[in-house]
Protein backbone atom coordinates (compact mmCIF):
# COMPACT_ATOMS: atom_id res chain seq x y z
CA UNK A 1 37.45 7.38 -15.95
CA UNK A 2 37.71 7.42 -19.73
CA UNK A 3 36.22 10.04 -22.03
CA UNK A 4 33.92 7.33 -23.41
CA UNK A 5 32.50 6.62 -19.96
CA UNK A 6 31.76 10.29 -19.24
CA UNK A 7 30.33 11.12 -22.67
CA UNK A 8 26.78 9.88 -21.88
CA UNK A 9 26.72 12.18 -18.83
CA UNK A 10 27.68 15.30 -20.79
CA UNK A 11 24.09 16.16 -21.82
CA UNK A 12 22.91 15.68 -18.22
CA UNK A 13 25.63 17.95 -16.87
CA UNK A 14 24.83 20.53 -19.54
CA UNK A 15 21.09 20.63 -18.81
CA UNK A 16 21.68 20.76 -15.05
CA UNK A 17 24.04 23.72 -15.57
CA UNK A 18 21.58 25.48 -17.87
CA UNK A 19 18.69 24.83 -15.51
CA UNK A 20 20.75 25.90 -12.50
CA UNK A 21 21.63 29.19 -14.16
CA UNK A 22 17.97 29.73 -14.96
CA UNK A 23 16.80 28.94 -11.44
CA UNK A 24 19.53 31.00 -9.77
CA UNK A 25 18.67 33.94 -12.04
CA UNK A 26 15.01 33.67 -11.04
CA UNK A 27 16.01 33.60 -7.36
CA UNK A 28 18.24 36.63 -7.87
CA UNK A 29 15.34 38.39 -9.59
CA UNK A 30 13.15 37.66 -6.58
CA UNK A 31 15.78 39.20 -4.29
CA UNK A 32 15.83 42.34 -6.45
CA UNK A 33 12.04 42.60 -6.47
CA UNK A 34 11.71 41.92 -2.75
CA UNK A 35 15.00 42.85 -1.05
CA UNK A 36 15.63 41.95 2.57
CA UNK A 37 17.32 44.58 4.70
CA UNK A 38 20.47 43.61 6.56
CA UNK A 39 18.60 43.29 9.84
CA UNK A 40 15.23 42.24 8.42
CA UNK A 41 13.51 38.89 8.47
CA UNK A 42 14.49 36.94 5.30
CA UNK A 43 10.99 36.64 3.85
CA UNK A 44 12.26 36.43 0.27
CA UNK A 45 14.40 33.37 0.97
CA UNK A 46 11.55 31.75 2.88
CA UNK A 47 9.03 32.37 0.09
CA UNK A 48 11.43 31.24 -2.65
CA UNK A 49 12.16 28.00 -0.81
CA UNK A 50 8.47 27.30 -0.18
CA UNK A 51 7.54 28.01 -3.82
CA UNK A 52 10.41 25.81 -5.00
CA UNK A 53 9.30 22.96 -2.74
CA UNK A 54 5.73 23.23 -4.00
CA UNK A 55 6.98 23.23 -7.59
CA UNK A 56 9.07 20.11 -7.02
CA UNK A 57 6.01 18.38 -5.56
CA UNK A 58 3.92 19.17 -8.63
CA UNK A 59 6.75 18.34 -11.01
CA UNK A 60 7.59 14.95 -9.53
CA UNK A 61 3.97 13.81 -9.51
CA UNK A 62 3.47 14.91 -13.10
CA UNK A 63 6.62 13.25 -14.46
CA UNK A 64 6.24 10.08 -12.42
CA UNK A 65 2.48 9.55 -12.63
CA UNK A 66 1.09 11.42 -15.62
CA UNK A 67 3.68 12.15 -18.26
CA UNK A 68 6.58 10.22 -19.72
CA UNK A 69 9.23 12.89 -19.89
CA UNK A 70 12.41 12.95 -21.95
CA UNK A 71 15.37 11.72 -19.89
CA UNK A 72 16.80 15.25 -19.63
CA UNK A 73 13.65 16.95 -18.31
CA UNK A 74 14.09 15.80 -14.72
CA UNK A 75 17.76 16.85 -14.41
CA UNK A 76 17.04 20.15 -16.18
CA UNK A 77 14.00 21.22 -14.21
CA UNK A 78 14.17 19.24 -10.98
CA UNK A 79 17.88 19.38 -10.27
CA UNK A 80 18.84 22.42 -12.32
CA UNK A 81 16.03 24.99 -12.27
CA UNK A 82 14.53 24.12 -8.90
CA UNK A 83 17.90 23.33 -7.35
CA UNK A 84 19.17 26.72 -8.49
CA UNK A 85 15.98 28.51 -7.48
CA UNK A 86 15.73 27.15 -3.95
CA UNK A 87 18.49 28.29 -1.69
CA UNK A 88 18.99 26.32 1.45
CA UNK A 89 22.56 27.60 1.73
CA UNK A 90 21.19 31.15 1.99
CA UNK A 91 18.67 29.81 4.51
CA UNK A 92 21.58 28.65 6.69
CA UNK A 93 23.43 31.95 6.22
CA UNK A 94 20.27 33.92 7.05
CA UNK A 95 19.84 31.88 10.24
CA UNK A 96 23.46 32.55 11.21
CA UNK A 97 23.02 36.28 10.44
CA UNK A 98 19.92 36.52 12.61
CA UNK A 99 21.44 34.67 15.55
CA UNK A 100 24.80 36.43 15.23
CA UNK A 101 22.99 39.77 15.12
CA UNK A 102 21.37 39.13 18.49
CA UNK A 103 18.03 37.98 17.06
CA UNK A 104 18.09 34.37 18.26
CA UNK A 105 14.30 34.14 18.57
CA UNK A 106 13.82 35.35 15.01
CA UNK A 107 16.53 32.96 13.85
CA UNK A 108 14.92 29.99 15.56
CA UNK A 109 11.50 30.98 14.25
CA UNK A 110 12.95 31.23 10.75
CA UNK A 111 14.71 27.88 11.14
CA UNK A 112 11.52 26.08 12.15
CA UNK A 113 9.13 27.99 9.91
CA UNK A 114 11.17 27.27 6.80
CA UNK A 115 11.29 23.54 7.44
CA UNK A 116 7.59 23.30 8.31
CA UNK A 117 6.47 25.51 5.43
CA UNK A 118 8.68 23.70 2.90
CA UNK A 119 7.42 20.28 3.98
CA UNK A 120 3.82 21.49 4.00
CA UNK A 121 4.28 23.00 0.53
CA UNK A 122 5.68 19.85 -1.05
CA UNK A 123 3.12 17.61 0.66
CA UNK A 124 0.20 19.89 -0.29
CA UNK A 125 1.43 20.21 -3.86
CA UNK A 126 1.75 16.43 -4.24
CA UNK A 127 -1.71 15.90 -2.75
CA UNK A 128 -3.36 18.60 -4.86
CA UNK A 129 -1.63 17.53 -8.07
CA UNK A 130 -2.76 13.94 -7.58
CA UNK A 131 -6.32 15.15 -6.98
CA UNK A 132 -6.27 17.29 -10.13
CA UNK A 133 -4.90 14.41 -12.19
CA UNK A 134 -7.55 12.04 -10.80
CA UNK A 135 -10.27 14.60 -11.53
CA UNK A 136 -9.01 15.11 -15.09
CA UNK A 137 -8.95 11.36 -15.64
CA UNK A 138 -12.47 10.89 -14.29
CA UNK A 139 -13.93 13.74 -16.30
CA UNK A 140 -11.99 13.16 -19.50
CA UNK A 141 -13.09 11.48 -22.72
CA UNK A 142 -14.35 7.96 -22.13
CA UNK A 143 -15.49 8.54 -18.58
CA UNK A 144 -19.11 8.01 -17.62
CA UNK A 145 -19.70 11.71 -17.01
CA UNK A 146 -17.80 13.01 -20.03
CA UNK A 147 -19.86 15.43 -22.02
CA UNK A 148 -22.70 15.61 -19.49
CA UNK A 149 -21.40 18.62 -17.59
CA UNK A 150 -21.61 16.70 -14.30
CA UNK A 151 -18.75 17.23 -11.90
CA UNK A 152 -17.44 20.26 -13.75
């Protein structure tokens, strides 16, 4: 591949790297604020992954249905920040640590709980974001109820 062909991708790679460093730093900060003991249940990883999934649900609805974003916003925030913040590789390592440490039930609970909670978070965030956007549109300027105080 020639340098000319890769040049248009350079800004995308740069914003993904910057976003990834930002997201990974935020995840690391969460692990410092809420450390998990060697034999403890990995609540921090679970919570970070659920928050990240909810954020991606909100973000994708906003940029696909409500806001025309610059072409670098999605790779920066969606792929970079949220990709760096969520940590499904640590999820797998935590599962292996629990099972390998003789805590198979906890490991299986963690395995299932993470998947269910992450899916519920993204679905709920998408649903709620769409409702908020619909409400804002129906109560904004030009709507029948605008300025009347109804529905607010």
